[in-house]
C-alpha atoms as a PDB file:
ATOM      1  CA  UNK A   1      78.447  75.708 112.781  1.00  0.00           C
ATOM      2  CA  UNK A   2      75.946  78.612 111.869  1.00  0.00           C
ATOM      3  CA  UNK A   3      78.324  80.154 109.275  1.00  0.00           C
ATOM      4  CA  UNK A   4      78.815  76.943 107.582  1.00  0.00           C
ATOM      5  CA  UNK A   5      75.032  76.119 107.127  1.00  0.00           C
ATOM      6  CA  UNK A   6      74.256  78.081 103.943  1.00  0.00           C
ATOM      7  CA  UNK A   7      77.527  76.682 102.062  1.00  0.00           C
ATOM      8  CA  UNK A   8      78.096  73.497 100.549  1.00  0.00           C
ATOM      9  CA  UNK A   9      81.349  72.996 102.637  1.00  0.00           C
ATOM     10  CA  UNK A  10      81.992  71.538 105.845  1.00  0.00           C
ATOM     11  CA  UNK A  11      82.654  73.817 109.041  1.00  0.00           C
ATOM     12  CA  UNK A  12      86.461  73.025 109.187  1.00  0.00           C
ATOM     13  CA  UNK A  13      86.469  74.158 105.606  1.00  0.00           C
ATOM     14  CA  UNK A  14      84.810  77.320 106.409  1.00  0.00           C
ATOM     15  CA  UNK A  15      87.011  77.786 109.292  1.00  0.00           C
ATOM     16  CA  UNK A  16      90.090  77.645 107.212  1.00  0.00           C
ATOM     17  CA  UNK A  17      88.698  80.119 104.890  1.00  0.00           C
ATOM     18  CA  UNK A  18      88.081  82.494 107.706  1.00  0.00           C
ATOM     19  CA  UNK A  19      91.489  82.063 108.983  1.00  0.00           C
ATOM     20  CA  UNK A  20      92.984  82.974 105.578  1.00  0.00           C
ATOM     21  CA  UNK A  21      90.606  86.086 105.355  1.00  0.00           C
ATOM     22  CA  UNK A  22      91.844  87.070 108.885  1.00  0.00           C
ATOM     23  CA  UNK A  23      95.372  86.475 107.989  1.00  0.00           C
ATOM     24  CA  UNK A  24      94.827  88.658 104.953  1.00  0.00           C
ATOM     25  CA  UNK A  25      93.566  91.294 107.114  1.00  0.00           C
ATOM     26  CA  UNK A  26      90.041  91.276 105.667  1.00  0.00           C
ATOM     27  CA  UNK A  27      88.217  90.332 108.634  1.00  0.00           C
ATOM     28  CA  UNK A  28      88.590  90.820 112.465  1.00  0.00           C
ATOM     29  CA  UNK A  29      87.595  87.932 114.911  1.00  0.00           C
ATOM     30  CA  UNK A  30      87.090  88.188 118.605  1.00  0.00           C
ATOM     31  CA  UNK A  31      86.514  85.601 121.181  1.00  0.00           C
ATOM     32  CA  UNK A  32      83.203  85.641 122.799  1.00  0.00           C
ATOM     33  CA  UNK A  33      82.823  82.534 124.827  1.00  0.00           C
ATOM     34  CA  UNK A  34      82.711  79.484 122.798  1.00  0.00           C
ATOM     35  CA  UNK A  35      81.890  81.661 119.658  1.00  0.00           C
ATOM     36  CA  UNK A  36      84.341  83.595 117.308  1.00  0.00           C
ATOM     37  CA  UNK A  37      82.372  86.541 115.771  1.00  0.00           C
ATOM     38  CA  UNK A  38      83.732  88.012 112.702  1.00  0.00           C
ATOM     39  CA  UNK A  39      83.557  91.423 111.152  1.00  0.00           C
ATOM     40  CA  UNK A  40      84.843  92.846 108.088  1.00  0.00           C
ATOM     41  CA  UNK A  41      88.035  95.063 108.679  1.00  0.00           C
ATOM     42  CA  UNK A  42      86.865  98.495 107.236  1.00  0.00           C
ATOM     43  CA  UNK A  43      90.435  99.462 106.586  1.00  0.00           C
ATOM     44  CA  UNK A  44      90.939  96.624 104.352  1.00  0.00           C
ATOM     45  CA  UNK A  45      87.748  97.277 102.649  1.00  0.00           C
ATOM     46  CA  UNK A  46      88.824 100.914 102.090  1.00  0.00           C
ATOM     47  CA  UNK A  47      92.274  99.627 100.445  1.00  0.00           C
ATOM     48  CA  UNK A  48      90.297  97.159  98.128  1.00  0.00           C
ATOM     49  CA  UNK A  49      88.070  99.829  97.153  1.00  0.00           C
ATOM     50  CA  UNK A  50      91.026 102.042  96.142  1.00  0.00           C
ATOM     51  CA  UNK A  51      92.630  99.315  94.351  1.00  0.00           C
ATOM     52  CA  UNK A  52      89.579  98.766  92.302  1.00  0.00           C
ATOM     53  CA  UNK A  53      89.173 102.375  91.417  1.00  0.00           C
ATOM     54  CA  UNK A  54      92.691 102.211  90.186  1.00  0.00           C
ATOM     55  CA  UNK A  55      92.059  99.159  88.238  1.00  0.00           C
ATOM     56  CA  UNK A  56      88.844 100.644  86.783  1.00  0.00           C
ATOM     57  CA  UNK A  57      90.770 103.808  85.603  1.00  0.00           C
ATOM     58  CA  UNK A  58      93.348 101.430  83.999  1.00  0.00           C
ATOM     59  CA  UNK A  59      90.947  99.356  82.230  1.00  0.00           C
ATOM     60  CA  UNK A  60      88.871 102.470  80.979  1.00  0.00           C
ATOM     61  CA  UNK A  61      92.115 103.817  79.533  1.00  0.00           C
ATOM     62  CA  UNK A  62      92.818 100.300  77.774  1.00  0.00           C
ATOM     63  CA  UNK A  63      89.209 100.237  76.479  1.00  0.00           C
ATOM     64  CA  UNK A  64      89.604 103.858  75.095  1.00  0.00           C
ATOM     65  CA  UNK A  65      92.902 102.869  73.321  1.00  0.00           C
ATOM     66  CA  UNK A  66      91.240  99.721  71.825  1.00  0.00           C
ATOM     67  CA  UNK A  67      88.431 101.881  70.515  1.00  0.00           C
ATOM     68  CA  UNK A  68      90.971 104.221  68.777  1.00  0.00           C
ATOM     69  CA  UNK A  69      92.745 101.237  67.293  1.00  0.00           C
ATOM     70  CA  UNK A  70      89.515  99.705  66.218  1.00  0.00           C
ATOM     71  CA  UNK A  71      88.298 102.940  64.746  1.00  0.00           C
ATOM     72  CA  UNK A  72      91.697 103.318  62.837  1.00  0.00           C
ATOM     73  CA  UNK A  73      91.337  99.929  61.468  1.00  0.00           C
ATOM     74  CA  UNK A  74      87.840 100.761  60.146  1.00  0.00           C
ATOM     75  CA  UNK A  75      88.904 103.739  58.536  1.00  0.00           C
ATOM     76  CA  UNK A  76      91.728 102.034  56.763  1.00  0.00           C
ATOM     77  CA  UNK A  77      89.367  99.632  55.294  1.00  0.00           C
END
């Protein structure tokens, strides 16, 4: 119940979201009595960070090409 408090959603909805995150390998849950503490999965965060780095590099190349095209269009006017 604690994890659902700050959100405008029910506890079962939060539990479903956590189950999806766990299935995707983004969080790790363990059983501690009646509680199910969660933590971020470091390996998944590292993979996400690597993917974001690749995406940033690709977007930077696209923006550079767009700048070149726009500069060329400006020269042609």
